[in-house]
């Protein structure tokens, strides 16, 4: 995924499924200057981490 798409998903009103290594995650924030996103596991909001946006995959 690219930074622009991650920002679009973050701003979207509808739920867009995103995965990190095959596991569903929510995007909490995007830092465009560093091309990273803060995400958390859908089932465990306390499990947040910083990842590169390239690691994220939109599920269609």
N, C-alpha and C. Protein backbone atom coordinates (compact mmCIF):
# COMPACT_ATOMS: atom_id res chain seq x y z
N UNK A 1 0.85 -1.17 0.00
CA UNK A 1 0.00 0.00 0.00
C UNK A 1 0.90 1.23 0.00
N UNK A 2 0.39 2.33 -0.54
CA UNK A 2 1.17 3.56 -0.50
C UNK A 2 0.59 4.52 0.54
N UNK A 3 1.33 5.57 0.84
CA UNK A 3 0.95 6.52 1.89
C UNK A 3 -0.39 7.16 1.58
N UNK A 4 -0.60 7.57 0.33
CA UNK A 4 -1.85 8.23 -0.04
C UNK A 4 -3.05 7.33 0.23
N UNK A 5 -2.95 6.05 -0.14
CA UNK A 5 -4.07 5.13 0.07
C UNK A 5 -4.30 4.89 1.57
N UNK A 6 -3.24 4.80 2.34
CA UNK A 6 -3.38 4.63 3.79
C UNK A 6 -4.12 5.82 4.39
N UNK A 7 -3.81 7.02 3.92
CA UNK A 7 -4.49 8.22 4.40
C UNK A 7 -5.96 8.21 4.00
N UNK A 8 -6.26 7.76 2.78
CA UNK A 8 -7.65 7.66 2.33
C UNK A 8 -8.44 6.69 3.20
N UNK A 9 -7.84 5.55 3.51
CA UNK A 9 -8.52 4.55 4.34
C UNK A 9 -8.76 5.10 5.73
N UNK A 10 -7.78 5.79 6.28
CA UNK A 10 -7.92 6.39 7.61
C UNK A 10 -9.08 7.39 7.64
N UNK A 11 -9.25 8.15 6.58
CA UNK A 11 -10.29 9.19 6.53
C UNK A 11 -11.65 8.66 6.08
N UNK A 12 -11.71 7.44 5.60
CA UNK A 12 -12.96 6.90 5.04
C UNK A 12 -14.03 6.72 6.11
N UNK A 13 -15.28 6.95 5.72
CA UNK A 13 -16.41 6.74 6.62
C UNK A 13 -16.74 5.26 6.77
N UNK A 14 -16.56 4.51 5.69
CA UNK A 14 -16.88 3.08 5.73
C UNK A 14 -15.65 2.28 6.17
N UNK A 15 -15.91 1.07 6.62
CA UNK A 15 -14.83 0.18 7.04
C UNK A 15 -14.16 -0.41 5.80
N UNK A 16 -12.87 -0.27 5.71
CA UNK A 16 -12.08 -0.87 4.64
C UNK A 16 -11.12 -1.83 5.31
N UNK A 17 -11.19 -3.08 4.91
CA UNK A 17 -10.38 -4.11 5.55
C UNK A 17 -8.92 -3.99 5.14
N UNK A 18 -8.05 -3.93 6.14
CA UNK A 18 -6.61 -3.83 5.93
C UNK A 18 -5.95 -4.93 6.75
N UNK A 19 -4.95 -5.56 6.16
CA UNK A 19 -4.24 -6.63 6.86
C UNK A 19 -2.75 -6.33 6.96
N UNK A 20 -2.17 -6.82 8.04
CA UNK A 20 -0.72 -6.79 8.26
C UNK A 20 -0.31 -8.23 8.48
N UNK A 21 0.46 -8.77 7.56
CA UNK A 21 0.89 -10.17 7.64
C UNK A 21 -0.30 -11.12 7.78
N UNK A 22 -1.39 -10.82 7.06
CA UNK A 22 -2.55 -11.70 7.05
C UNK A 22 -3.52 -11.50 8.20
N UNK A 23 -3.22 -10.58 9.12
CA UNK A 23 -4.10 -10.33 10.26
C UNK A 23 -4.79 -8.98 10.10
N UNK A 24 -6.11 -8.90 10.36
CA UNK A 24 -6.83 -7.63 10.21
C UNK A 24 -6.37 -6.59 11.24
N UNK A 25 -6.15 -5.37 10.75
CA UNK A 25 -5.72 -4.27 11.61
C UNK A 25 -6.51 -3.01 11.28
N UNK A 26 -6.54 -2.08 12.23
CA UNK A 26 -7.09 -0.75 12.04
C UNK A 26 -5.92 0.22 11.92
N UNK A 27 -6.04 1.19 11.03
CA UNK A 27 -5.03 2.25 10.92
C UNK A 27 -5.43 3.37 11.88
N UNK A 28 -4.54 3.69 12.82
CA UNK A 28 -4.81 4.75 13.79
C UNK A 28 -4.28 6.11 13.32
N UNK A 29 -3.13 6.10 12.66
CA UNK A 29 -2.54 7.34 12.15
C UNK A 29 -1.54 7.01 11.06
N UNK A 30 -1.25 8.03 10.24
CA UNK A 30 -0.28 7.87 9.15
C UNK A 30 0.69 9.04 9.21
N UNK A 31 1.99 8.74 9.18
CA UNK A 31 3.03 9.76 9.10
C UNK A 31 3.59 9.72 7.68
N UNK A 32 3.09 10.63 6.84
CA UNK A 32 3.46 10.63 5.42
C UNK A 32 4.94 10.91 5.21
N UNK A 33 5.53 11.73 6.08
CA UNK A 33 6.94 12.08 5.90
C UNK A 33 7.86 10.89 6.11
N UNK A 34 7.42 9.94 6.94
CA UNK A 34 8.23 8.75 7.21
C UNK A 34 7.68 7.49 6.54
N UNK A 35 6.51 7.63 5.90
CA UNK A 35 5.83 6.50 5.24
C UNK A 35 5.56 5.35 6.21
N UNK A 36 5.10 5.73 7.41
CA UNK A 36 4.76 4.73 8.43
C UNK A 36 3.33 4.97 8.91
N UNK A 37 2.74 3.91 9.46
CA UNK A 37 1.39 4.00 10.02
C UNK A 37 1.38 3.34 11.38
N UNK A 38 0.61 3.92 12.30
CA UNK A 38 0.37 3.28 13.58
C UNK A 38 -0.91 2.47 13.42
N UNK A 39 -0.82 1.18 13.71
CA UNK A 39 -1.96 0.29 13.55
C UNK A 39 -2.17 -0.52 14.82
N UNK A 40 -3.38 -1.08 14.95
CA UNK A 40 -3.64 -2.01 16.05
C UNK A 40 -4.47 -3.17 15.53
N UNK A 41 -4.29 -4.32 16.16
CA UNK A 41 -5.04 -5.51 15.78
C UNK A 41 -6.52 -5.28 16.07
N UNK A 42 -7.39 -5.72 15.15
CA UNK A 42 -8.83 -5.52 15.33
C UNK A 42 -9.32 -6.11 16.64
N UNK A 43 -8.85 -7.30 17.00
CA UNK A 43 -9.33 -7.98 18.20
C UNK A 43 -8.67 -7.46 19.47
N UNK A 44 -7.58 -6.70 19.33
CA UNK A 44 -6.82 -6.28 20.50
C UNK A 44 -6.32 -4.84 20.31
N UNK A 45 -7.15 -3.85 20.63
CA UNK A 45 -6.74 -2.46 20.44
C UNK A 45 -5.46 -2.07 21.19
N UNK A 46 -5.14 -2.79 22.26
CA UNK A 46 -3.93 -2.48 23.02
C UNK A 46 -2.67 -2.92 22.28
N UNK A 47 -2.82 -3.76 21.27
CA UNK A 47 -1.68 -4.27 20.50
C UNK A 47 -1.41 -3.34 19.33
N UNK A 48 -0.82 -2.18 19.63
CA UNK A 48 -0.53 -1.22 18.55
C UNK A 48 0.95 -1.26 18.22
N UNK A 49 1.23 -0.94 16.97
CA UNK A 49 2.63 -0.92 16.53
C UNK A 49 2.79 0.04 15.36
N UNK A 50 4.01 0.43 15.11
CA UNK A 50 4.36 1.31 14.01
C UNK A 50 4.94 0.45 12.89
N UNK A 51 4.36 0.55 11.70
CA UNK A 51 4.82 -0.26 10.57
C UNK A 51 4.94 0.63 9.33
N UNK A 52 5.72 0.18 8.36
CA UNK A 52 5.76 0.92 7.09
C UNK A 52 4.46 0.67 6.35
N UNK A 53 3.98 1.67 5.63
CA UNK A 53 2.72 1.50 4.91
C UNK A 53 2.82 0.41 3.85
N UNK A 54 4.03 0.14 3.36
CA UNK A 54 4.21 -0.92 2.37
C UNK A 54 3.88 -2.29 2.92
N UNK A 55 3.93 -2.45 4.25
CA UNK A 55 3.61 -3.74 4.87
C UNK A 55 2.10 -3.99 4.92
N UNK A 56 1.29 -2.95 4.74
CA UNK A 56 -0.15 -3.06 4.83
C UNK A 56 -0.75 -3.47 3.50
N UNK A 57 -1.79 -4.28 3.57
CA UNK A 57 -2.47 -4.76 2.36
C UNK A 57 -3.97 -4.54 2.49
N UNK A 58 -4.54 -3.87 1.49
CA UNK A 58 -5.98 -3.69 1.46
C UNK A 58 -6.63 -4.96 0.95
N UNK A 59 -7.69 -5.40 1.63
CA UNK A 59 -8.39 -6.62 1.25
C UNK A 59 -9.65 -6.23 0.51
N UNK A 60 -9.80 -6.76 -0.69
CA UNK A 60 -10.98 -6.44 -1.52
C UNK A 60 -12.01 -7.52 -1.44
